[in-house]
Amino acid sequence: MATTELTEQTFLETVTGEGIHLVDFWAEWCGPCKQFGPIYEQVSESHPDITFGKVDTEANQALAGQLGIRSIPTLMAFRDGVLMFNQAGAMPAAGVEQVIEAVAAADMDEVRAEIEQQKAAAEAGTEGPRADGAQV
């Protein structure tokens, strides 16, 4: 499956759906983006069951800002609506494959339980023990 251009209007609907969704944040003027683009396309051809999206950060500046994109290319991986990976910098095809394998192998019940624990701790105002042993 080839890559799909994502916009501010289609991004959220895409990444919150079921399954694995990879998103490449890029810009036309970015040299490393131009190097990573063909690698990303190549990997997408091997995984027709995964959505491979691309976000042009120049055309979608508000979205890039909301997501905290500070360096491009940036690769994000989502599974069943959960952000599982977020890293700036071009990577080889083997690196993208490793991301896919790790995201696919994740136990989503454990991931969701961990997210709930983090939310509960944040709501309770506890961040855990400090370096001096005191609870925060």
N, C-alpha and C. Protein backbone atom coordinates (compact mmCIF):
# COMPACT_ATOMS: atom_id res chain seq x y z
N MET A 1 0.85 -1.18 0.00
CA MET A 1 0.00 0.00 0.00
C MET A 1 0.89 1.24 0.00
N ALA A 2 0.57 2.16 -0.86
CA ALA A 2 1.33 3.41 -0.91
C ALA A 2 0.96 4.29 0.28
N THR A 3 1.71 5.35 0.45
CA THR A 3 1.43 6.26 1.55
C THR A 3 0.23 7.14 1.23
N THR A 4 -0.38 7.64 2.29
CA THR A 4 -1.56 8.49 2.18
C THR A 4 -1.23 9.86 2.76
N GLU A 5 -1.58 10.91 2.04
CA GLU A 5 -1.35 12.27 2.54
C GLU A 5 -2.40 12.56 3.61
N LEU A 6 -1.94 12.95 4.80
CA LEU A 6 -2.83 13.31 5.89
C LEU A 6 -2.81 14.82 6.08
N THR A 7 -3.95 15.35 6.50
CA THR A 7 -4.09 16.78 6.73
C THR A 7 -4.64 17.01 8.13
N GLU A 8 -4.77 18.27 8.51
CA GLU A 8 -5.37 18.60 9.80
C GLU A 8 -6.77 18.01 9.91
N GLN A 9 -7.46 17.88 8.78
CA GLN A 9 -8.83 17.36 8.78
C GLN A 9 -8.88 15.84 8.86
N THR A 10 -7.87 15.13 8.38
CA THR A 10 -7.92 13.67 8.32
C THR A 10 -7.01 12.96 9.32
N PHE A 11 -6.11 13.70 9.95
CA PHE A 11 -5.12 13.08 10.84
C PHE A 11 -5.77 12.32 11.99
N LEU A 12 -6.59 13.01 12.78
CA LEU A 12 -7.16 12.40 13.99
C LEU A 12 -8.02 11.19 13.65
N GLU A 13 -8.84 11.30 12.64
CA GLU A 13 -9.70 10.18 12.24
C GLU A 13 -8.85 8.97 11.85
N THR A 14 -7.73 9.22 11.20
CA THR A 14 -6.86 8.13 10.76
C THR A 14 -6.17 7.45 11.93
N VAL A 15 -5.50 8.22 12.78
CA VAL A 15 -4.67 7.61 13.83
C VAL A 15 -5.47 7.05 14.99
N THR A 16 -6.73 7.42 15.13
CA THR A 16 -7.54 6.88 16.22
C THR A 16 -8.29 5.62 15.81
N GLY A 17 -8.16 5.23 14.56
CA GLY A 17 -8.81 4.01 14.10
C GLY A 17 -8.09 2.77 14.58
N GLU A 18 -8.73 1.62 14.40
CA GLU A 18 -8.12 0.36 14.80
C GLU A 18 -6.95 0.04 13.89
N GLY A 19 -6.00 -0.69 14.44
CA GLY A 19 -4.86 -1.12 13.66
C GLY A 19 -3.64 -0.24 13.88
N ILE A 20 -2.64 -0.47 13.05
CA ILE A 20 -1.37 0.25 13.15
C ILE A 20 -1.33 1.35 12.09
N HIS A 21 -0.91 2.53 12.52
CA HIS A 21 -0.82 3.68 11.63
C HIS A 21 0.53 4.36 11.86
N LEU A 22 1.35 4.43 10.81
CA LEU A 22 2.61 5.15 10.88
C LEU A 22 2.42 6.49 10.19
N VAL A 23 3.03 7.53 10.75
CA VAL A 23 2.90 8.86 10.17
C VAL A 23 4.29 9.49 10.08
N ASP A 24 4.63 9.93 8.87
CA ASP A 24 5.89 10.62 8.59
C ASP A 24 5.58 12.11 8.46
N PHE A 25 6.21 12.92 9.31
CA PHE A 25 6.08 14.37 9.23
C PHE A 25 7.29 14.88 8.45
N TRP A 26 7.05 15.64 7.39
CA TRP A 26 8.09 16.02 6.47
C TRP A 26 7.82 17.41 5.88
N ALA A 27 8.79 17.92 5.12
CA ALA A 27 8.62 19.15 4.35
C ALA A 27 9.46 19.05 3.08
N GLU A 28 9.01 19.72 2.05
CA GLU A 28 9.67 19.67 0.75
C GLU A 28 11.13 20.15 0.81
N TRP A 29 11.41 21.14 1.62
CA TRP A 29 12.74 21.73 1.70
C TRP A 29 13.73 20.92 2.54
N CYS A 30 13.27 19.88 3.19
CA CYS A 30 14.06 19.12 4.16
C CYS A 30 14.85 18.00 3.47
N GLY A 31 16.19 18.13 3.47
CA GLY A 31 17.05 17.12 2.86
C GLY A 31 16.89 15.73 3.45
N PRO A 32 16.97 15.58 4.78
CA PRO A 32 16.77 14.25 5.37
C PRO A 32 15.38 13.66 5.06
N CYS A 33 14.38 14.53 4.92
CA CYS A 33 13.03 14.06 4.57
C CYS A 33 13.04 13.44 3.17
N LYS A 34 13.76 14.08 2.27
CA LYS A 34 13.86 13.56 0.89
C LYS A 34 14.58 12.22 0.86
N GLN A 35 15.54 12.03 1.76
CA GLN A 35 16.23 10.75 1.83
C GLN A 35 15.34 9.67 2.45
N PHE A 36 14.57 10.06 3.47
CA PHE A 36 13.72 9.09 4.17
C PHE A 36 12.48 8.72 3.38
N GLY A 37 11.95 9.65 2.59
CA GLY A 37 10.71 9.41 1.85
C GLY A 37 10.68 8.12 1.06
N PRO A 38 11.68 7.84 0.20
CA PRO A 38 11.67 6.59 -0.57
C PRO A 38 11.77 5.34 0.31
N ILE A 39 12.49 5.44 1.42
CA ILE A 39 12.59 4.32 2.35
C ILE A 39 11.22 4.02 2.93
N TYR A 40 10.53 5.07 3.37
CA TYR A 40 9.19 4.96 3.95
C TYR A 40 8.23 4.34 2.94
N GLU A 41 8.28 4.81 1.68
CA GLU A 41 7.44 4.26 0.61
C GLU A 41 7.72 2.78 0.42
N GLN A 42 9.01 2.43 0.38
CA GLN A 42 9.42 1.04 0.17
C GLN A 42 8.86 0.13 1.27
N VAL A 43 8.99 0.55 2.52
CA VAL A 43 8.49 -0.25 3.63
C VAL A 43 6.97 -0.36 3.55
N SER A 44 6.31 0.70 3.13
CA SER A 44 4.84 0.68 3.05
C SER A 44 4.35 -0.39 2.08
N GLU A 45 5.13 -0.66 1.04
CA GLU A 45 4.74 -1.66 0.04
C GLU A 45 4.73 -3.06 0.64
N SER A 46 5.50 -3.29 1.69
CA SER A 46 5.59 -4.61 2.32
C SER A 46 4.54 -4.84 3.39
N HIS A 47 3.76 -3.80 3.71
CA HIS A 47 2.80 -3.91 4.81
C HIS A 47 1.44 -3.33 4.41
N PRO A 48 0.69 -4.05 3.56
CA PRO A 48 -0.59 -3.52 3.10
C PRO A 48 -1.64 -3.42 4.21
N ASP A 49 -1.39 -4.05 5.34
CA ASP A 49 -2.34 -4.02 6.46
C ASP A 49 -2.13 -2.83 7.38
N ILE A 50 -1.11 -2.01 7.11
CA ILE A 50 -0.77 -0.86 7.95
C ILE A 50 -1.01 0.42 7.16
N THR A 51 -1.54 1.44 7.82
CA THR A 51 -1.70 2.74 7.19
C THR A 51 -0.38 3.49 7.31
N PHE A 52 0.14 3.95 6.19
CA PHE A 52 1.35 4.78 6.15
C PHE A 52 0.93 6.16 5.69
N GLY A 53 0.89 7.10 6.64
CA GLY A 53 0.48 8.45 6.33
C GLY A 53 1.66 9.39 6.28
N LYS A 54 1.47 10.50 5.57
CA LYS A 54 2.50 11.55 5.49
C LYS A 54 1.81 12.88 5.77
N VAL A 55 2.46 13.70 6.61
CA VAL A 55 1.95 15.03 6.91
C VAL A 55 2.98 16.05 6.46
N ASP A 56 2.61 16.88 5.51
CA ASP A 56 3.46 17.99 5.05
C ASP A 56 3.37 19.08 6.11
N THR A 57 4.46 19.28 6.85
CA THR A 57 4.42 20.22 7.96
C THR A 57 4.28 21.67 7.51
N GLU A 58 4.63 21.97 6.28
CA GLU A 58 4.44 23.33 5.76
C GLU A 58 2.96 23.60 5.49
N ALA A 59 2.28 22.63 4.94
CA ALA A 59 0.86 22.78 4.63
C ALA A 59 -0.03 22.59 5.85
N ASN A 60 0.50 21.97 6.90
CA ASN A 60 -0.28 21.65 8.10
C ASN A 60 0.46 22.13 9.35
N GLN A 61 0.82 23.41 9.35
CA GLN A 61 1.62 23.96 10.45
C GLN A 61 0.93 23.88 11.80
N ALA A 62 -0.38 24.10 11.83
CA ALA A 62 -1.10 24.06 13.10
C ALA A 62 -1.05 22.65 13.69
N LEU A 63 -1.25 21.65 12.86
CA LEU A 63 -1.20 20.26 13.32
C LEU A 63 0.20 19.92 13.83
N ALA A 64 1.21 20.29 13.08
CA ALA A 64 2.59 20.03 13.51
C ALA A 64 2.87 20.70 14.85
N GLY A 65 2.37 21.91 15.02
CA GLY A 65 2.56 22.63 16.28
C GLY A 65 1.84 21.95 17.43
N GLN A 66 0.60 21.51 17.20
CA GLN A 66 -0.16 20.84 18.25
C GLN A 66 0.51 19.55 18.70
N LEU A 67 1.18 18.89 17.78
CA LEU A 67 1.83 17.61 18.08
C LEU A 67 3.27 17.78 18.56
N GLY A 68 3.73 19.03 18.63
CA GLY A 68 5.07 19.28 19.13
C GLY A 68 6.18 18.87 18.19
N ILE A 69 5.91 18.89 16.90
CA ILE A 69 6.93 18.53 15.92
C ILE A 69 7.95 19.66 15.87
N ARG A 70 9.17 19.38 16.27
CA ARG A 70 10.22 20.39 16.30
C ARG A 70 11.35 20.09 15.32
N SER A 71 11.40 18.86 14.85
CA SER A 71 12.44 18.44 13.93
C SER A 71 11.82 17.46 12.94
N ILE A 72 12.25 17.54 11.69
CA ILE A 72 11.72 16.63 10.68
C ILE A 72 12.88 15.98 9.93
N PRO A 73 12.68 14.78 9.44
CA PRO A 73 11.46 14.01 9.55
C PRO A 73 11.23 13.51 10.97
N THR A 74 9.97 13.36 11.32
CA THR A 74 9.57 12.72 12.57
C THR A 74 8.64 11.58 12.21
N LEU A 75 8.87 10.43 12.82
CA LEU A 75 8.01 9.27 12.60
C LEU A 75 7.23 9.00 13.87
N MET A 76 5.91 8.88 13.73
CA MET A 76 5.05 8.48 14.84
C MET A 76 4.36 7.18 14.44
N ALA A 77 4.15 6.32 15.45
CA ALA A 77 3.41 5.08 15.22
C ALA A 77 2.29 5.01 16.24
N PHE A 78 1.09 4.74 15.76
CA PHE A 78 -0.10 4.61 16.58
C PHE A 78 -0.65 3.20 16.41
N ARG A 79 -1.22 2.67 17.49
CA ARG A 79 -1.93 1.40 17.39
C ARG A 79 -3.22 1.54 18.18
N ASP A 80 -4.31 1.29 17.51
CA ASP A 80 -5.64 1.37 18.12
C ASP A 80 -5.84 2.70 18.85
N GLY A 81 -5.35 3.77 18.23
CA GLY A 81 -5.54 5.10 18.79
C GLY A 81 -4.54 5.52 19.84
N VAL A 82 -3.54 4.68 20.14
CA VAL A 82 -2.55 4.98 21.18
C VAL A 82 -1.21 5.28 20.51
N LEU A 83 -0.61 6.41 20.87
CA LEU A 83 0.72 6.74 20.37
C LEU A 83 1.73 5.80 21.00
N MET A 84 2.42 5.03 20.17
CA MET A 84 3.34 4.01 20.65
C MET A 84 4.80 4.37 20.41
N PHE A 85 5.05 5.29 19.45
CA PHE A 85 6.42 5.63 19.07
C PHE A 85 6.42 7.04 18.51
N ASN A 86 7.46 7.81 18.85
CA ASN A 86 7.59 9.18 18.37
C ASN A 86 9.06 9.53 18.38
N GLN A 87 9.65 9.64 17.17
CA GLN A 87 11.08 9.91 17.09
C GLN A 87 11.41 10.75 15.87
N ALA A 88 12.21 11.77 16.09
CA ALA A 88 12.69 12.60 15.00
C ALA A 88 13.93 11.98 14.39
N GLY A 89 14.12 12.23 13.10
CA GLY A 89 15.32 11.77 12.41
C GLY A 89 15.01 10.67 11.42
N ALA A 90 15.71 10.71 10.30
CA ALA A 90 15.56 9.66 9.28
C ALA A 90 16.10 8.36 9.83
N MET A 91 15.56 7.27 9.35
CA MET A 91 16.05 5.96 9.78
C MET A 91 16.08 5.02 8.59
N PRO A 92 16.88 3.98 8.66
CA PRO A 92 16.92 3.01 7.57
C PRO A 92 15.66 2.14 7.58
N ALA A 93 15.45 1.43 6.50
CA ALA A 93 14.29 0.55 6.39
C ALA A 93 14.23 -0.44 7.55
N ALA A 94 15.38 -0.96 7.95
CA ALA A 94 15.41 -1.92 9.06
C ALA A 94 14.91 -1.28 10.35
N GLY A 95 15.18 -0.01 10.55
CA GLY A 95 14.69 0.71 11.73
C GLY A 95 13.17 0.85 11.72
N VAL A 96 12.62 1.15 10.55
CA VAL A 96 11.16 1.26 10.44
C VAL A 96 10.53 -0.11 10.69
N GLU A 97 11.16 -1.15 10.16
CA GLU A 97 10.66 -2.52 10.37
C GLU A 97 10.67 -2.87 11.86
N GLN A 98 11.72 -2.45 12.58
CA GLN A 98 11.79 -2.72 14.02
C GLN A 98 10.66 -2.01 14.76
N VAL A 99 10.36 -0.79 14.36
CA VAL A 99 9.25 -0.05 14.98
C VAL A 99 7.95 -0.81 14.75
N ILE A 100 7.73 -1.25 13.52
CA ILE A 100 6.50 -1.98 13.19
C ILE A 100 6.40 -3.26 14.03
N GLU A 101 7.50 -4.00 14.13
CA GLU A 101 7.50 -5.25 14.90
C GLU A 101 7.18 -4.98 16.38
N ALA A 102 7.79 -3.95 16.94
CA ALA A 102 7.57 -3.64 18.36
C ALA A 102 6.12 -3.20 18.60
N VAL A 103 5.59 -2.38 17.72
CA VAL A 103 4.22 -1.90 17.88
C VAL A 103 3.24 -3.07 17.73
N ALA A 104 3.50 -3.93 16.75
CA ALA A 104 2.61 -5.08 16.53
C ALA A 104 2.66 -6.07 17.69
N ALA A 105 3.83 -6.21 18.32
CA ALA A 105 4.00 -7.18 19.41
C ALA A 105 3.49 -6.68 20.76
N ALA A 106 3.22 -5.41 20.87
CA ALA A 106 2.81 -4.84 22.16
C ALA A 106 1.48 -5.45 22.63
N ASP A 107 1.41 -5.72 23.92
CA ASP A 107 0.17 -6.19 24.54
C ASP A 107 -0.67 -4.96 24.86
N MET A 108 -1.70 -4.72 24.06
CA MET A 108 -2.47 -3.48 24.18
C MET A 108 -3.25 -3.41 25.49
N ASP A 109 -3.60 -4.55 26.06
CA ASP A 109 -4.25 -4.53 27.38
C ASP A 109 -3.30 -3.97 28.43
N GLU A 110 -2.03 -4.39 28.36
CA GLU A 110 -1.03 -3.86 29.29
C GLU A 110 -0.79 -2.37 29.04
N VAL A 111 -0.71 -1.99 27.77
CA VAL A 111 -0.49 -0.58 27.43
C VAL A 111 -1.62 0.29 27.98
N ARG A 112 -2.86 -0.14 27.77
CA ARG A 112 -4.01 0.63 28.26
C ARG A 112 -4.03 0.69 29.79
N ALA A 113 -3.67 -0.42 30.44
CA ALA A 113 -3.63 -0.43 31.91
C ALA A 113 -2.58 0.55 32.42
N GLU A 114 -1.44 0.60 31.77
CA GLU A 114 -0.39 1.54 32.17
C GLU A 114 -0.85 2.99 31.97
N ILE A 115 -1.54 3.25 30.87
CA ILE A 115 -2.06 4.60 30.62
C ILE A 115 -3.05 4.99 31.72
N GLU A 116 -3.91 4.06 32.10
CA GLU A 116 -4.88 4.35 33.16
C GLU A 116 -4.19 4.62 34.49
N GLN A 117 -3.15 3.86 34.79
CA GLN A 117 -2.39 4.10 36.03
C GLN A 117 -1.76 5.48 36.01
N GLN A 118 -1.21 5.87 34.88
CA GLN A 118 -0.60 7.20 34.77
C GLN A 118 -1.64 8.30 34.94
N LYS A 119 -2.81 8.11 34.34
CA LYS A 119 -3.89 9.10 34.48
C LYS A 119 -4.33 9.20 35.94
N ALA A 120 -4.50 8.05 36.59
CA ALA A 120 -4.94 8.05 37.98
C ALA A 120 -3.92 8.74 38.87
N ALA A 121 -2.65 8.48 38.64
CA ALA A 121 -1.60 9.12 39.43
C ALA A 121 -1.59 10.62 39.20
N ALA A 122 -1.78 11.03 37.97
CA ALA A 122 -1.79 12.47 37.66
C ALA A 122 -2.99 13.15 38.32
N GLU A 123 -4.14 12.50 38.27
CA GLU A 123 -5.35 13.06 38.88
C GLU A 123 -5.22 13.13 40.40
N ALA A 124 -4.53 12.16 40.98
CA ALA A 124 -4.34 12.14 42.43
C ALA A 124 -3.22 13.08 42.86
N GLY A 125 -2.49 13.57 41.88
CA GLY A 125 -1.41 14.49 42.19
C GLY A 125 -0.17 13.82 42.71
N THR A 126 -0.06 12.52 42.48
CA THR A 126 1.14 11.81 42.91
C THR A 126 1.96 11.45 41.70
N GLU A 127 3.20 11.79 41.77
CA GLU A 127 4.11 11.47 40.68
C GLU A 127 5.08 10.38 41.09
N GLY A 128 4.99 9.92 42.32
CA GLY A 128 5.90 8.89 42.78
C GLY A 128 6.94 9.46 43.71
N PRO A 129 7.87 8.63 44.15
CA PRO A 129 8.88 9.10 45.11
C PRO A 129 9.87 10.05 44.46
N ARG A 130 10.34 11.01 45.24
CA ARG A 130 11.37 11.92 44.77
C ARG A 130 12.73 11.31 45.07
N ALA A 131 13.77 11.94 44.59
CA ALA A 131 15.14 11.44 44.81
C ALA A 131 15.47 11.34 46.29
N ASP A 132 14.88 12.24 47.13
CA ASP A 132 15.17 12.21 48.55
C ASP A 132 14.25 11.26 49.33
N GLY A 133 13.43 10.50 48.58
CA GLY A 133 12.57 9.51 49.21
C GLY A 133 11.19 10.02 49.58
N ALA A 134 10.95 11.32 49.51
CA ALA A 134 9.65 11.86 49.86
C ALA A 134 8.66 11.64 48.72
N GLN A 135 7.41 11.42 49.06
CA GLN A 135 6.36 11.31 48.05
C GLN A 135 6.00 12.70 47.54
N VAL A 136 5.74 12.80 46.28
CA VAL A 136 5.35 14.07 45.68
C VAL A 136 3.84 14.15 45.65
